[in-house]
Protein backbone atom coordinates (compact mmCIF):
# COMPACT_ATOMS: atom_id res chain seq x y z
CA MET A 1 4.08 -68.06 92.26
CA LYS A 2 4.39 -67.06 95.89
CA ILE A 3 1.25 -66.58 97.98
CA LYS A 4 1.93 -62.86 98.42
CA GLU A 5 2.33 -62.38 94.65
CA ALA A 6 -0.82 -64.40 93.98
CA LYS A 7 -2.82 -62.29 96.44
CA GLU A 8 -1.56 -59.08 94.83
CA LEU A 9 -2.51 -60.38 91.38
CA GLU A 10 -5.97 -61.32 92.69
CA ARG A 11 -6.37 -57.86 94.24
CA GLN A 12 -5.45 -56.20 90.95
CA ILE A 13 -7.91 -58.36 89.00
CA LEU A 14 -10.76 -57.71 91.43
CA LYS A 15 -10.30 -53.92 91.62
CA SER A 16 -13.56 -52.16 90.88
CA ASP A 17 -12.17 -50.30 87.88
CA ARG A 18 -11.64 -53.64 86.17
CA HIS A 19 -15.35 -54.53 86.21
CA PHE A 20 -18.50 -53.26 84.60
CA VAL A 21 -21.89 -53.27 86.24
CA ILE A 22 -24.75 -53.30 83.73
CA SER A 23 -28.35 -53.48 84.84
CA LYS A 24 -30.67 -56.16 83.51
CA GLU A 25 -33.01 -53.46 82.19
CA ILE A 26 -30.30 -52.09 79.92
CA ILE A 27 -29.43 -55.56 78.65
CA ARG A 28 -33.12 -56.33 78.04
CA LYS A 29 -33.58 -53.09 76.09
CA PHE A 30 -30.37 -53.43 74.09
CA ASP A 31 -28.14 -56.42 73.48
CA LEU A 32 -25.17 -57.27 75.67
CA ASN A 33 -22.61 -55.72 73.30
CA THR A 34 -24.53 -52.44 73.10
CA SER A 35 -24.92 -52.37 76.87
CA LEU A 36 -21.19 -52.93 77.36
CA PHE A 37 -20.38 -50.30 74.73
CA LEU A 38 -22.62 -47.83 76.59
CA ALA A 39 -20.75 -48.61 79.82
CA ILE A 40 -17.46 -47.81 78.06
CA LEU A 41 -18.90 -44.53 76.80
CA TRP A 42 -20.17 -43.61 80.25
CA GLU A 43 -16.72 -44.26 81.68
CA ALA A 44 -15.08 -42.15 78.94
CA GLU A 45 -17.56 -39.32 79.50
CA TYR A 46 -16.92 -39.39 83.25
CA LYS A 47 -13.16 -39.30 82.69
CA ALA A 48 -13.54 -36.36 80.27
CA GLU A 49 -15.60 -34.49 82.87
CA MET A 50 -12.96 -35.13 85.53
CA ASP A 51 -10.04 -33.99 83.39
CA GLY A 52 -11.95 -31.06 81.82
CA THR A 53 -11.78 -32.26 78.21
CA ILE A 54 -15.55 -32.52 77.70
CA LYS A 55 -16.96 -29.69 75.55
CA SER A 56 -20.73 -29.07 75.34
CA GLY A 57 -21.28 -32.71 76.28
CA TRP A 58 -18.93 -34.03 73.56
CA PHE A 59 -16.09 -36.37 74.55
CA HIS A 60 -13.58 -38.49 72.67
CA ILE A 61 -12.84 -42.18 72.81
CA GLY A 62 -11.12 -43.93 69.93
CA THR A 63 -11.95 -47.16 68.16
CA ASN A 64 -8.61 -48.68 69.14
CA GLU A 65 -9.00 -47.68 72.79
CA ILE A 66 -12.34 -49.48 72.93
CA LYS A 67 -10.86 -52.51 71.16
CA GLU A 68 -7.99 -52.66 73.65
CA ARG A 69 -10.34 -52.43 76.64
CA ILE A 70 -13.08 -54.87 75.65
CA GLU A 71 -11.92 -56.57 72.43
CA MET A 72 -14.80 -55.12 70.42
CA SER A 73 -14.19 -54.85 66.68
CA TYR A 74 -14.87 -51.70 64.68
CA TYR A 75 -17.81 -53.44 63.00
CA THR A 76 -19.39 -54.36 66.35
CA GLN A 77 -18.75 -50.85 67.69
CA MET A 78 -20.61 -49.40 64.69
CA LYS A 79 -23.54 -51.74 65.29
CA CYS A 80 -23.69 -50.54 68.89
CA ILE A 81 -23.51 -46.90 67.80
CA ASN A 82 -26.37 -47.49 65.36
CA ASN A 83 -28.49 -49.17 68.07
CA LEU A 84 -27.95 -46.26 70.44
CA GLN A 85 -28.61 -43.68 67.71
CA LYS A 86 -31.89 -45.37 66.75
CA ALA A 87 -32.94 -45.19 70.40
CA GLY A 88 -32.14 -41.46 70.43
CA ILE A 89 -29.50 -41.84 73.13
CA LEU A 90 -26.28 -41.18 71.21
CA GLU A 91 -24.84 -38.65 68.81
CA TRP A 92 -21.42 -39.07 67.27
CA LYS A 93 -19.15 -37.24 64.86
CA ASN A 94 -15.64 -37.34 63.45
CA GLU A 95 -13.62 -34.17 63.80
CA GLY A 96 -10.11 -32.81 63.53
CA ILE A 97 -6.86 -33.87 61.89
CA PRO A 98 -6.16 -36.64 62.51
CA ARG A 99 -9.84 -37.48 62.68
CA ARG A 100 -11.10 -38.37 66.13
CA ARG A 101 -14.44 -39.87 67.08
CA TYR A 102 -16.56 -37.80 69.48
CA PHE A 103 -19.74 -38.82 71.28
CA ARG A 104 -22.53 -37.13 73.19
CA ILE A 105 -25.01 -39.10 75.29
CA ASP A 106 -28.57 -37.90 75.94
CA TRP A 107 -28.99 -39.12 79.52
CA ASP A 108 -32.54 -37.76 79.77
CA ARG A 109 -33.59 -39.92 76.81
CA PHE A 110 -31.69 -42.86 78.31
CA SER A 111 -33.62 -42.47 81.59
CA GLU A 112 -36.94 -42.40 79.71
CA ILE A 113 -36.10 -45.61 77.87
CA ILE A 114 -35.00 -47.44 81.00
CA GLU A 115 -38.10 -46.27 82.92
CA GLU A 116 -40.26 -47.67 80.10
CA GLU A 117 -38.38 -50.97 80.32
CA VAL A 118 -38.83 -51.19 84.10
CA GLU A 119 -42.59 -50.57 83.84
């Protein structure tokens, strides 16, 4: 591989949209998988806000899309969803034909939980 090609590959790998930043407080409160799953949801919610597809706080991201992005199985995704639901942070539902998975995040509740963890 030529130096120029190698530098371009390195630049692509190091682009900020290829990384996740997760605070230690979130990882301490939840496990690493749940924290990463929450980061994926935040990114999907942000994208839905930008393209105008969010409705009353509800946004869509599919099981396969998550699997492609972070290699997280359906079973692990469901464990993460359950963890976030128990904490009162996440609501989810299936809707439409074909069925699509929608989420809504309670960011106020999330802030309360993280503030408790920091204290």
